[in-house]
């Protein structure tokens, strides 16, 4: 199981809260950008983080690939792939990188969908939600033997009703 958050926009405390809740139990923690914190902040120890369009610190990577639970995970904020207009451009990179899972932020709305053999996840925003679901949230991803389970959680670490998805491979 691993945890994905994004778009905290200067709210260091929410990152700390989620990190504290899952440290030692999650196989990995991800932040998909727009923290607006320094890249050398100690909060990032143990978190895979990338730059967002509001992160001007050059110490961040734009894109990362990591392996978690035997899966190749691609992480990017997504603005550079115009994810607000669809996932076509990001899916080209995911395919090129042979990613099993592609994480992104930027749109501040939850997304969990399969395109081909790749699972695309946007965890929503932990500080500034947008769209029809006005809840600050993050995603918990469980790698199953034959697929994935994605559940969205509020800042009290409770599953949000109606935001649990299972995908078969």
Protein backbone atom coordinates (compact mmCIF):
# COMPACT_ATOMS: atom_id res chain seq x y z
CA UNK A 1 0.00 0.00 0.00
CA UNK A 2 1.28 3.47 -0.82
CA UNK A 3 -0.01 7.01 -0.34
CA UNK A 4 -0.31 9.81 -2.90
CA UNK A 5 -0.92 13.49 -2.12
CA UNK A 6 -0.64 16.68 -4.13
CA UNK A 7 -1.18 20.41 -4.31
CA UNK A 8 -0.63 21.31 -0.65
CA UNK A 9 0.21 24.94 -1.55
CA UNK A 10 2.32 26.00 1.49
CA UNK A 11 0.43 23.77 3.96
CA UNK A 12 3.37 21.93 5.46
CA UNK A 13 1.28 20.71 8.40
CA UNK A 14 -0.98 18.59 6.19
CA UNK A 15 2.04 16.85 4.66
CA UNK A 16 3.39 16.22 8.15
CA UNK A 17 0.03 14.83 9.31
CA UNK A 18 -0.26 12.38 6.41
CA UNK A 19 3.40 11.39 6.68
CA UNK A 20 3.02 10.71 10.40
CA UNK A 21 -0.11 8.60 9.85
CA UNK A 22 1.50 6.32 7.24
CA UNK A 23 5.19 6.30 8.12
CA UNK A 24 6.22 2.73 8.78
CA UNK A 25 3.08 1.20 7.24
CA UNK A 26 3.05 2.53 3.67
CA UNK A 27 5.59 1.13 1.21
CA UNK A 28 6.00 4.64 -0.24
CA UNK A 29 4.75 8.21 0.05
CA UNK A 30 4.33 10.48 -2.98
CA UNK A 31 3.70 14.21 -3.43
CA UNK A 32 2.79 15.25 -6.97
CA UNK A 33 3.95 18.85 -6.69
CA UNK A 34 2.79 22.36 -5.87
CA UNK A 35 3.91 22.25 -2.26
CA UNK A 36 5.60 25.65 -2.57
CA UNK A 37 8.12 24.47 0.03
CA UNK A 38 11.91 24.41 -0.36
CA UNK A 39 13.19 21.23 -1.99
CA UNK A 40 15.61 20.74 0.91
CA UNK A 41 12.88 20.88 3.58
CA UNK A 42 13.29 17.97 5.99
CA UNK A 43 9.61 17.08 5.46
CA UNK A 44 10.63 15.45 2.15
CA UNK A 45 12.75 12.76 3.82
CA UNK A 46 11.01 9.53 2.85
CA UNK A 47 8.65 11.19 0.34
CA UNK A 48 8.99 10.98 -3.45
CA UNK A 49 8.23 14.53 -4.59
CA UNK A 50 8.29 16.42 -7.90
CA UNK A 51 7.98 20.06 -8.93
CA UNK A 52 4.65 21.61 -9.75
CA UNK A 53 3.94 24.78 -11.70
CA UNK A 54 4.02 26.76 -8.40
CA UNK A 55 7.34 25.25 -7.24
CA UNK A 56 10.20 27.50 -8.28
CA UNK A 57 12.96 25.74 -6.33
CA UNK A 58 15.31 24.19 -8.90
CA UNK A 59 16.14 21.34 -6.50
CA UNK A 60 12.98 19.48 -7.49
CA UNK A 61 12.79 17.02 -10.37
CA UNK A 62 10.07 17.56 -12.97
CA UNK A 63 9.51 13.82 -13.42
CA UNK A 64 10.50 10.74 -11.41
CA UNK A 65 10.31 7.01 -11.96
CA UNK A 66 10.45 4.74 -8.93
CA UNK A 67 9.67 1.10 -8.31
CA UNK A 68 7.19 0.29 -5.56
CA UNK A 69 5.89 -3.18 -4.76
CA UNK A 70 7.23 -4.45 -8.07
CA UNK A 71 5.44 -1.73 -10.07
CA UNK A 72 7.04 1.04 -12.13
CA UNK A 73 5.56 4.31 -10.88
CA UNK A 74 5.80 7.52 -12.90
CA UNK A 75 5.25 10.78 -11.04
CA UNK A 76 4.82 14.27 -12.51
CA UNK A 77 2.72 17.28 -11.59
CA UNK A 78 1.08 17.15 -14.99
CA UNK A 79 0.90 20.81 -15.99
CA UNK A 80 3.62 20.23 -18.57
CA UNK A 81 1.37 17.59 -20.17
CA UNK A 82 -1.80 19.72 -20.06
CA UNK A 83 -3.61 17.16 -17.89
CA UNK A 84 -6.47 19.61 -17.44
CA UNK A 85 -7.36 18.92 -21.07
CA UNK A 86 -7.02 15.13 -20.83
CA UNK A 87 -4.39 12.47 -20.30
CA UNK A 88 -3.28 11.91 -23.90
CA UNK A 89 0.09 13.66 -23.63
CA UNK A 90 0.87 12.17 -20.22
CA UNK A 91 -0.11 8.72 -21.46
CA UNK A 92 2.50 8.96 -24.23
CA UNK A 93 5.21 9.46 -21.60
CA UNK A 94 3.82 6.69 -19.39
CA UNK A 95 3.86 4.31 -22.35
CA UNK A 96 7.40 5.34 -23.31
CA UNK A 97 8.57 4.77 -19.71
CA UNK A 98 6.61 1.49 -19.48
CA UNK A 99 4.92 2.76 -16.32
CA UNK A 100 2.47 0.50 -14.51
CA UNK A 101 1.12 3.47 -12.54
CA UNK A 102 1.22 7.17 -13.46
CA UNK A 103 0.63 9.74 -10.71
CA UNK A 104 -0.17 13.39 -11.32
CA UNK A 105 -1.64 16.48 -9.68
CA UNK A 106 -2.39 19.99 -10.95
CA UNK A 107 -6.17 19.73 -11.46
CA UNK A 108 -7.00 19.40 -7.72
CA UNK A 109 -9.60 16.71 -8.48
CA UNK A 110 -9.56 12.94 -7.95
CA UNK A 111 -8.93 10.73 -10.97
CA UNK A 112 -8.51 6.96 -10.99
CA UNK A 113 -8.63 5.27 -14.38
CA UNK A 114 -6.93 2.65 -16.49
CA UNK A 115 -5.64 3.57 -19.93
CA UNK A 116 -4.24 0.47 -21.57
CA UNK A 117 -2.23 -1.32 -18.91
CA UNK A 118 -1.43 1.82 -16.90
CA UNK A 119 -3.33 3.07 -13.86
CA UNK A 120 -3.59 6.89 -13.74
CA UNK A 121 -4.16 8.50 -10.35
CA UNK A 122 -4.70 12.07 -9.31
CA UNK A 123 -5.08 12.25 -5.51
CA UNK A 124 -7.04 15.50 -5.53
CA UNK A 125 -5.69 18.30 -3.35
CA UNK A 126 -4.88 18.19 0.36
CA UNK A 127 -5.46 21.94 0.69
CA UNK A 128 -7.47 23.44 -2.19
CA UNK A 129 -10.02 21.03 -3.68
CA UNK A 130 -11.79 21.93 -6.91
CA UNK A 131 -14.72 20.55 -8.83
CA UNK A 132 -17.84 18.79 -7.59
CA UNK A 133 -16.18 17.09 -4.63
CA UNK A 134 -15.14 19.88 -2.28
CA UNK A 135 -13.15 17.71 0.14
CA UNK A 136 -9.46 17.98 0.95
CA UNK A 137 -8.15 14.52 0.14
CA UNK A 138 -5.35 12.13 -0.75
CA UNK A 139 -5.25 8.64 -2.29
CA UNK A 140 -4.25 5.27 -0.88
CA UNK A 141 -3.24 2.69 -3.49
CA UNK A 142 -3.15 -1.02 -2.76
CA UNK A 143 -1.41 -3.32 -5.22
CA UNK A 144 -3.41 -6.53 -5.48
CA UNK A 145 -2.35 -9.84 -7.00
CA UNK A 146 -4.47 -9.16 -10.08
CA UNK A 147 -4.96 -5.38 -10.03
CA UNK A 148 -5.26 -2.33 -7.81
CA UNK A 149 -7.53 -0.77 -5.23
CA UNK A 150 -7.61 3.03 -5.01
CA UNK A 151 -9.38 4.75 -2.14
CA UNK A 152 -9.59 8.44 -1.37
CA UNK A 153 -9.29 9.66 2.21
CA UNK A 154 -10.13 12.92 3.93
CA UNK A 155 -7.71 14.67 6.30
CA UNK A 156 -9.11 12.67 9.24
CA UNK A 157 -7.83 9.60 7.33
CA UNK A 158 -11.36 8.31 6.71
CA UNK A 159 -12.35 6.79 3.38
CA UNK A 160 -14.58 9.13 1.41
CA UNK A 161 -17.84 7.34 0.50
CA UNK A 162 -18.16 6.64 -3.21
CA UNK A 163 -14.45 7.18 -3.89
CA UNK A 164 -13.14 3.60 -3.80
CA UNK A 165 -12.19 1.90 -7.04
CA UNK A 166 -10.89 -1.55 -7.97
CA UNK A 167 -9.09 -2.23 -11.24
CA UNK A 168 -8.31 -5.65 -12.67
CA UNK A 169 -5.28 -6.34 -14.84
